[in-house]
Amino acid sequence: PKNRFRNVLAEGKPIEEVIKNLYLAGLSRPPTNEELQESIKHCQSKPDPVLGLEDLCWVLINTDEFLFQH
């Protein structure tokens, strides 16, 4: 309950800012416009955006970019 994206959400930040925060934390770069739009769309498709953000965390840590460059 006290992870990075939940803390940012608790601060009242918009989902877009939470996604950018996750990309910076996981990949040391901001998301591309396409990545950002797809991430927002995915989070909005869930009954609770937290579920979408959990998915995004798993996606980021399973990318080749995360696994082999960080």
PDB file of N, CA and C in Angstrom:
ATOM      1  N   PRO A   1       0.800  -1.220   0.000  1.00  0.00           N
ATOM      2  CA  PRO A   1       0.000   0.000   0.000  1.00  0.00           C
ATOM      3  C   PRO A   1       0.840   1.281   0.000  1.00  0.00           C
ATOM      4  N   LYS A   2       2.105   1.199   0.282  1.00  0.00           N
ATOM      5  CA  LYS A   2       2.965   2.392   0.339  1.00  0.00           C
ATOM      6  C   LYS A   2       3.995   2.394  -0.783  1.00  0.00           C
ATOM      7  N   ASN A   3       3.636   1.861  -1.940  1.00  0.00           N
ATOM      8  CA  ASN A   3       4.595   1.847  -3.032  1.00  0.00           C
ATOM      9  C   ASN A   3       4.611   3.188  -3.765  1.00  0.00           C
ATOM     10  N   ARG A   4       5.509   3.314  -4.711  1.00  0.00           N
ATOM     11  CA  ARG A   4       5.742   4.572  -5.409  1.00  0.00           C
ATOM     12  C   ARG A   4       4.477   5.138  -6.033  1.00  0.00           C
ATOM     13  N   PHE A   5       3.786   4.358  -6.858  1.00  0.00           N
ATOM     14  CA  PHE A   5       2.655   4.949  -7.570  1.00  0.00           C
ATOM     15  C   PHE A   5       1.464   5.220  -6.655  1.00  0.00           C
ATOM     16  N   ARG A   6       1.300   4.428  -5.609  1.00  0.00           N
ATOM     17  CA  ARG A   6       0.204   4.698  -4.671  1.00  0.00           C
ATOM     18  C   ARG A   6       0.468   5.983  -3.878  1.00  0.00           C
ATOM     19  N   ASN A   7       1.722   6.227  -3.553  1.00  0.00           N
ATOM     20  CA  ASN A   7       2.056   7.473  -2.868  1.00  0.00           C
ATOM     21  C   ASN A   7       1.784   8.680  -3.755  1.00  0.00           C
ATOM     22  N   VAL A   8       2.133   8.590  -5.025  1.00  0.00           N
ATOM     23  CA  VAL A   8       1.895   9.700  -5.952  1.00  0.00           C
ATOM     24  C   VAL A   8       0.387   9.893  -6.153  1.00  0.00           C
ATOM     25  N   LEU A   9      -0.347   8.801  -6.268  1.00  0.00           N
ATOM     26  CA  LEU A   9      -1.808   8.907  -6.378  1.00  0.00           C
ATOM     27  C   LEU A   9      -2.408   9.552  -5.130  1.00  0.00           C
ATOM     28  N   ALA A  10      -1.892   9.186  -3.962  1.00  0.00           N
ATOM     29  CA  ALA A  10      -2.404   9.734  -2.713  1.00  0.00           C
ATOM     30  C   ALA A  10      -2.176  11.246  -2.613  1.00  0.00           C
ATOM     31  N   GLU A  11      -1.165  11.729  -3.327  1.00  0.00           N
ATOM     32  CA  GLU A  11      -0.894  13.163  -3.369  1.00  0.00           C
ATOM     33  C   GLU A  11      -1.882  13.895  -4.271  1.00  0.00           C
ATOM     34  N   GLY A  12      -2.719  13.135  -4.967  1.00  0.00           N
ATOM     35  CA  GLY A  12      -3.714  13.738  -5.847  1.00  0.00           C
ATOM     36  C   GLY A  12      -3.213  14.043  -7.242  1.00  0.00           C
ATOM     37  N   LYS A  13      -2.082  13.466  -7.613  1.00  0.00           N
ATOM     38  CA  LYS A  13      -1.516  13.705  -8.946  1.00  0.00           C
ATOM     39  C   LYS A  13      -2.353  12.988 -10.002  1.00  0.00           C
ATOM     40  N   PRO A  14      -2.433  13.557 -11.210  1.00  0.00           N
ATOM     41  CA  PRO A  14      -3.178  12.898 -12.288  1.00  0.00           C
ATOM     42  C   PRO A  14      -2.464  11.624 -12.750  1.00  0.00           C
ATOM     43  N   ILE A  15      -3.219  10.732 -13.340  1.00  0.00           N
ATOM     44  CA  ILE A  15      -2.688   9.434 -13.777  1.00  0.00           C
ATOM     45  C   ILE A  15      -1.511   9.618 -14.738  1.00  0.00           C
ATOM     46  N   GLU A  16      -1.563  10.638 -15.563  1.00  0.00           N
ATOM     47  CA  GLU A  16      -0.472  10.911 -16.512  1.00  0.00           C
ATOM     48  C   GLU A  16       0.845  11.146 -15.769  1.00  0.00           C
ATOM     49  N   GLU A  17       0.797  11.883 -14.695  1.00  0.00           N
ATOM     50  CA  GLU A  17       2.006  12.151 -13.921  1.00  0.00           C
ATOM     51  C   GLU A  17       2.503  10.890 -13.215  1.00  0.00           C
ATOM     52  N   VAL A  18       1.591  10.062 -12.760  1.00  0.00           N
ATOM     53  CA  VAL A  18       1.973   8.801 -12.117  1.00  0.00           C
ATOM     54  C   VAL A  18       2.699   7.908 -13.127  1.00  0.00           C
ATOM     55  N   ILE A  19       2.184   7.830 -14.326  1.00  0.00           N
ATOM     56  CA  ILE A  19       2.802   7.015 -15.377  1.00  0.00           C
ATOM     57  C   ILE A  19       4.192   7.537 -15.707  1.00  0.00           C
ATOM     58  N   LYS A  20       4.331   8.840 -15.853  1.00  0.00           N
ATOM     59  CA  LYS A  20       5.651   9.426 -16.131  1.00  0.00           C
ATOM     60  C   LYS A  20       6.620   9.099 -15.002  1.00  0.00           C
ATOM     61  N   ASN A  21       6.148   9.154 -13.769  1.00  0.00           N
ATOM     62  CA  ASN A  21       6.966   8.834 -12.613  1.00  0.00           C
ATOM     63  C   ASN A  21       7.445   7.388 -12.668  1.00  0.00           C
ATOM     64  N   LEU A  22       6.560   6.473 -13.041  1.00  0.00           N
ATOM     65  CA  LEU A  22       6.938   5.060 -13.136  1.00  0.00           C
ATOM     66  C   LEU A  22       7.983   4.827 -14.223  1.00  0.00           C
ATOM     67  N   TYR A  23       7.823   5.487 -15.359  1.00  0.00           N
ATOM     68  CA  TYR A  23       8.815   5.349 -16.434  1.00  0.00           C
ATOM     69  C   TYR A  23      10.175   5.868 -15.989  1.00  0.00           C
ATOM     70  N   LEU A  24      10.196   7.010 -15.335  1.00  0.00           N
ATOM     71  CA  LEU A  24      11.464   7.561 -14.859  1.00  0.00           C
ATOM     72  C   LEU A  24      12.114   6.632 -13.836  1.00  0.00           C
ATOM     73  N   ALA A  25      11.316   6.069 -12.947  1.00  0.00           N
ATOM     74  CA  ALA A  25      11.846   5.166 -11.933  1.00  0.00           C
ATOM     75  C   ALA A  25      12.335   3.852 -12.536  1.00  0.00           C
ATOM     76  N   GLY A  26      11.584   3.320 -13.498  1.00  0.00           N
ATOM     77  CA  GLY A  26      11.914   2.006 -14.051  1.00  0.00           C
ATOM     78  C   GLY A  26      12.894   2.021 -15.196  1.00  0.00           C
ATOM     79  N   LEU A  27      12.787   3.027 -16.053  1.00  0.00           N
ATOM     80  CA  LEU A  27      13.612   3.038 -17.261  1.00  0.00           C
ATOM     81  C   LEU A  27      14.541   4.240 -17.360  1.00  0.00           C
ATOM     82  N   SER A  28      14.489   5.106 -16.386  1.00  0.00           N
ATOM     83  CA  SER A  28      15.332   6.319 -16.359  1.00  0.00           C
ATOM     84  C   SER A  28      15.102   7.231 -17.554  1.00  0.00           C
ATOM     85  N   ARG A  29      13.865   7.248 -18.010  1.00  0.00           N
ATOM     86  CA  ARG A  29      13.490   8.120 -19.116  1.00  0.00           C
ATOM     87  C   ARG A  29      11.986   8.326 -19.072  1.00  0.00           C
ATOM     88  N   PRO A  30      11.523   9.413 -19.669  1.00  0.00           N
ATOM     89  CA  PRO A  30      10.068   9.597 -19.741  1.00  0.00           C
ATOM     90  C   PRO A  30       9.471   8.683 -20.803  1.00  0.00           C
ATOM     91  N   PRO A  31       8.206   8.409 -20.731  1.00  0.00           N
ATOM     92  CA  PRO A  31       7.577   7.595 -21.779  1.00  0.00           C
ATOM     93  C   PRO A  31       7.472   8.394 -23.077  1.00  0.00           C
ATOM     94  N   THR A  32       7.506   7.679 -24.181  1.00  0.00           N
ATOM     95  CA  THR A  32       7.231   8.346 -25.455  1.00  0.00           C
ATOM     96  C   THR A  32       5.757   8.738 -25.447  1.00  0.00           C
ATOM     97  N   ASN A  33       5.372   9.588 -26.360  1.00  0.00           N
ATOM     98  CA  ASN A  33       3.966   9.984 -26.424  1.00  0.00           C
ATOM     99  C   ASN A  33       3.072   8.765 -26.640  1.00  0.00           C
ATOM    100  N   GLU A  34       3.493   7.852 -27.497  1.00  0.00           N
ATOM    101  CA  GLU A  34       2.701   6.639 -27.751  1.00  0.00           C
ATOM    102  C   GLU A  34       2.600   5.774 -26.490  1.00  0.00           C
ATOM    103  N   GLU A  35       3.720   5.589 -25.783  1.00  0.00           N
ATOM    104  CA  GLU A  35       3.704   4.806 -24.554  1.00  0.00           C
ATOM    105  C   GLU A  35       2.789   5.445 -23.520  1.00  0.00           C
ATOM    106  N   LEU A  36       2.861   6.752 -23.415  1.00  0.00           N
ATOM    107  CA  LEU A  36       2.028   7.464 -22.449  1.00  0.00           C
ATOM    108  C   LEU A  36       0.554   7.296 -22.780  1.00  0.00           C
ATOM    109  N   GLN A  37       0.191   7.473 -24.036  1.00  0.00           N
ATOM    110  CA  GLN A  37      -1.218   7.363 -24.430  1.00  0.00           C
ATOM    111  C   GLN A  37      -1.743   5.948 -24.225  1.00  0.00           C
ATOM    112  N   GLU A  38      -0.953   4.951 -24.579  1.00  0.00           N
ATOM    113  CA  GLU A  38      -1.376   3.557 -24.383  1.00  0.00           C
ATOM    114  C   GLU A  38      -1.499   3.217 -22.898  1.00  0.00           C
ATOM    115  N   SER A  39      -0.586   3.725 -22.098  1.00  0.00           N
ATOM    116  CA  SER A  39      -0.640   3.474 -20.651  1.00  0.00           C
ATOM    117  C   SER A  39      -1.874   4.118 -20.033  1.00  0.00           C
ATOM    118  N   ILE A  40      -2.165   5.348 -20.433  1.00  0.00           N
ATOM    119  CA  ILE A  40      -3.358   6.030 -19.931  1.00  0.00           C
ATOM    120  C   ILE A  40      -4.607   5.254 -20.335  1.00  0.00           C
ATOM    121  N   LYS A  41      -4.650   4.858 -21.600  1.00  0.00           N
ATOM    122  CA  LYS A  41      -5.805   4.107 -22.104  1.00  0.00           C
ATOM    123  C   LYS A  41      -5.989   2.808 -21.320  1.00  0.00           C
ATOM    124  N   HIS A  42      -4.894   2.122 -21.050  1.00  0.00           N
ATOM    125  CA  HIS A  42      -4.986   0.858 -20.303  1.00  0.00           C
ATOM    126  C   HIS A  42      -5.506   1.110 -18.887  1.00  0.00           C
ATOM    127  N   CYS A  43      -4.967   2.110 -18.219  1.00  0.00           N
ATOM    128  CA  CYS A  43      -5.390   2.407 -16.843  1.00  0.00           C
ATOM    129  C   CYS A  43      -6.864   2.809 -16.793  1.00  0.00           C
ATOM    130  N   GLN A  44      -7.310   3.540 -17.792  1.00  0.00           N
ATOM    131  CA  GLN A  44      -8.706   3.967 -17.839  1.00  0.00           C
ATOM    132  C   GLN A  44      -9.653   2.819 -18.173  1.00  0.00           C
ATOM    133  N   SER A  45      -9.123   1.746 -18.756  1.00  0.00           N
ATOM    134  CA  SER A  45      -9.974   0.616 -19.121  1.00  0.00           C
ATOM    135  C   SER A  45     -10.286  -0.283 -17.921  1.00  0.00           C
ATOM    136  N   LYS A  46      -9.590  -0.073 -16.824  1.00  0.00           N
ATOM    137  CA  LYS A  46      -9.778  -0.886 -15.623  1.00  0.00           C
ATOM    138  C   LYS A  46     -10.811  -0.238 -14.701  1.00  0.00           C
ATOM    139  N   PRO A  47     -11.502  -1.031 -13.895  1.00  0.00           N
ATOM    140  CA  PRO A  47     -12.465  -0.458 -12.955  1.00  0.00           C
ATOM    141  C   PRO A  47     -11.793   0.448 -11.916  1.00  0.00           C
ATOM    142  N   ASP A  48     -10.526   0.174 -11.620  1.00  0.00           N
ATOM    143  CA  ASP A  48      -9.732   0.981 -10.697  1.00  0.00           C
ATOM    144  C   ASP A  48      -8.383   1.232 -11.367  1.00  0.00           C
ATOM    145  N   PRO A  49      -7.963   2.482 -11.530  1.00  0.00           N
ATOM    146  CA  PRO A  49      -6.688   2.763 -12.192  1.00  0.00           C
ATOM    147  C   PRO A  49      -5.495   2.076 -11.531  1.00  0.00           C
ATOM    148  N   VAL A  50      -5.598   1.766 -10.251  1.00  0.00           N
ATOM    149  CA  VAL A  50      -4.513   1.076  -9.560  1.00  0.00           C
ATOM    150  C   VAL A  50      -4.213  -0.261 -10.240  1.00  0.00           C
ATOM    151  N   LEU A  51      -5.230  -0.944 -10.700  1.00  0.00           N
ATOM    152  CA  LEU A  51      -5.024  -2.224 -11.396  1.00  0.00           C
ATOM    153  C   LEU A  51      -4.214  -2.026 -12.666  1.00  0.00           C
ATOM    154  N   GLY A  52      -4.507  -0.982 -13.392  1.00  0.00           N
ATOM    155  CA  GLY A  52      -3.752  -0.673 -14.609  1.00  0.00           C
ATOM    156  C   GLY A  52      -2.318  -0.284 -14.299  1.00  0.00           C
ATOM    157  N   LEU A  53      -2.112   0.460 -13.221  1.00  0.00           N
ATOM    158  CA  LEU A  53      -0.760   0.852 -12.834  1.00  0.00           C
ATOM    159  C   LEU A  53       0.048  -0.353 -12.360  1.00  0.00           C
ATOM    160  N   GLU A  54      -0.593  -1.294 -11.703  1.00  0.00           N
ATOM    161  CA  GLU A  54       0.101  -2.528 -11.328  1.00  0.00           C
ATOM    162  C   GLU A  54       0.555  -3.271 -12.580  1.00  0.00           C
ATOM    163  N   ASP A  55      -0.326  -3.349 -13.574  1.00  0.00           N
ATOM    164  CA  ASP A  55       0.042  -3.980 -14.849  1.00  0.00           C
ATOM    165  C   ASP A  55       1.240  -3.265 -15.471  1.00  0.00           C
ATOM    166  N   LEU A  56       1.196  -1.944 -15.458  1.00  0.00           N
ATOM    167  CA  LEU A  56       2.276  -1.161 -16.053  1.00  0.00           C
ATOM    168  C   LEU A  56       3.601  -1.425 -15.358  1.00  0.00           C
ATOM    169  N   CYS A  57       3.582  -1.531 -14.042  1.00  0.00           N
ATOM    170  CA  CYS A  57       4.812  -1.852 -13.311  1.00  0.00           C
ATOM    171  C   CYS A  57       5.409  -3.171 -13.793  1.00  0.00           C
ATOM    172  N   TRP A  58       4.564  -4.180 -13.935  1.00  0.00           N
ATOM    173  CA  TRP A  58       5.039  -5.487 -14.415  1.00  0.00           C
ATOM    174  C   TRP A  58       5.560  -5.389 -15.843  1.00  0.00           C
ATOM    175  N   VAL A  59       4.881  -4.639 -16.664  1.00  0.00           N
ATOM    176  CA  VAL A  59       5.338  -4.471 -18.055  1.00  0.00           C
ATOM    177  C   VAL A  59       6.722  -3.830 -18.078  1.00  0.00           C
ATOM    178  N   LEU A  60       6.901  -2.778 -17.306  1.00  0.00           N
ATOM    179  CA  LEU A  60       8.182  -2.065 -17.312  1.00  0.00           C
ATOM    180  C   LEU A  60       9.329  -2.934 -16.822  1.00  0.00           C
ATOM    181  N   ILE A  61       9.119  -3.683 -15.747  1.00  0.00           N
ATOM    182  CA  ILE A  61      10.235  -4.481 -15.232  1.00  0.00           C
ATOM    183  C   ILE A  61      10.503  -5.736 -16.070  1.00  0.00           C
ATOM    184  N   ASN A  62       9.634  -6.033 -16.998  1.00  0.00           N
ATOM    185  CA  ASN A  62       9.862  -7.179 -17.886  1.00  0.00           C
ATOM    186  C   ASN A  62      10.314  -6.771 -19.281  1.00  0.00           C
ATOM    187  N   THR A  63      10.587  -5.489 -19.485  1.00  0.00           N
ATOM    188  CA  THR A  63      11.088  -5.054 -20.798  1.00  0.00           C
ATOM    189  C   THR A  63      12.575  -5.359 -20.910  1.00  0.00           C
ATOM    190  N   ASP A  64      13.042  -5.560 -22.126  1.00  0.00           N
ATOM    191  CA  ASP A  64      14.480  -5.728 -22.354  1.00  0.00           C
ATOM    192  C   ASP A  64      15.233  -4.485 -21.881  1.00  0.00           C
ATOM    193  N   GLU A  65      14.637  -3.333 -22.079  1.00  0.00           N
ATOM    194  CA  GLU A  65      15.278  -2.081 -21.663  1.00  0.00           C
ATOM    195  C   GLU A  65      15.592  -2.094 -20.159  1.00  0.00           C
ATOM    196  N   PHE A  66      14.657  -2.557 -19.347  1.00  0.00           N
ATOM    197  CA  PHE A  66      14.886  -2.632 -17.898  1.00  0.00           C
ATOM    198  C   PHE A  66      15.879  -3.748 -17.573  1.00  0.00           C
ATOM    199  N   LEU A  67      15.664  -4.915 -18.153  1.00  0.00           N
ATOM    200  CA  LEU A  67      16.469  -6.085 -17.805  1.00  0.00           C
ATOM    201  C   LEU A  67      17.913  -5.978 -18.192  1.00  0.00           C
ATOM    202  N   PHE A  68      18.208  -5.338 -19.334  1.00  0.00           N
ATOM    203  CA  PHE A  68      19.568  -5.359 -19.837  1.00  0.00           C
ATOM    204  C   PHE A  68      20.303  -4.025 -19.780  1.00  0.00           C
ATOM    205  N   GLN A  69      19.605  -2.949 -19.482  1.00  0.00           N
ATOM    206  CA  GLN A  69      20.285  -1.652 -19.439  1.00  0.00           C
ATOM    207  C   GLN A  69      20.336  -1.068 -18.047  1.00  0.00           C
ATOM    208  N   HIS A  70      19.627  -1.666 -17.125  1.00  0.00           N
ATOM    209  CA  HIS A  70      19.608  -1.067 -15.790  1.00  0.00           C
ATOM    210  C   HIS A  70      20.008  -2.126 -14.798  1.00  0.00           C
TER     211      HIS A  70
END
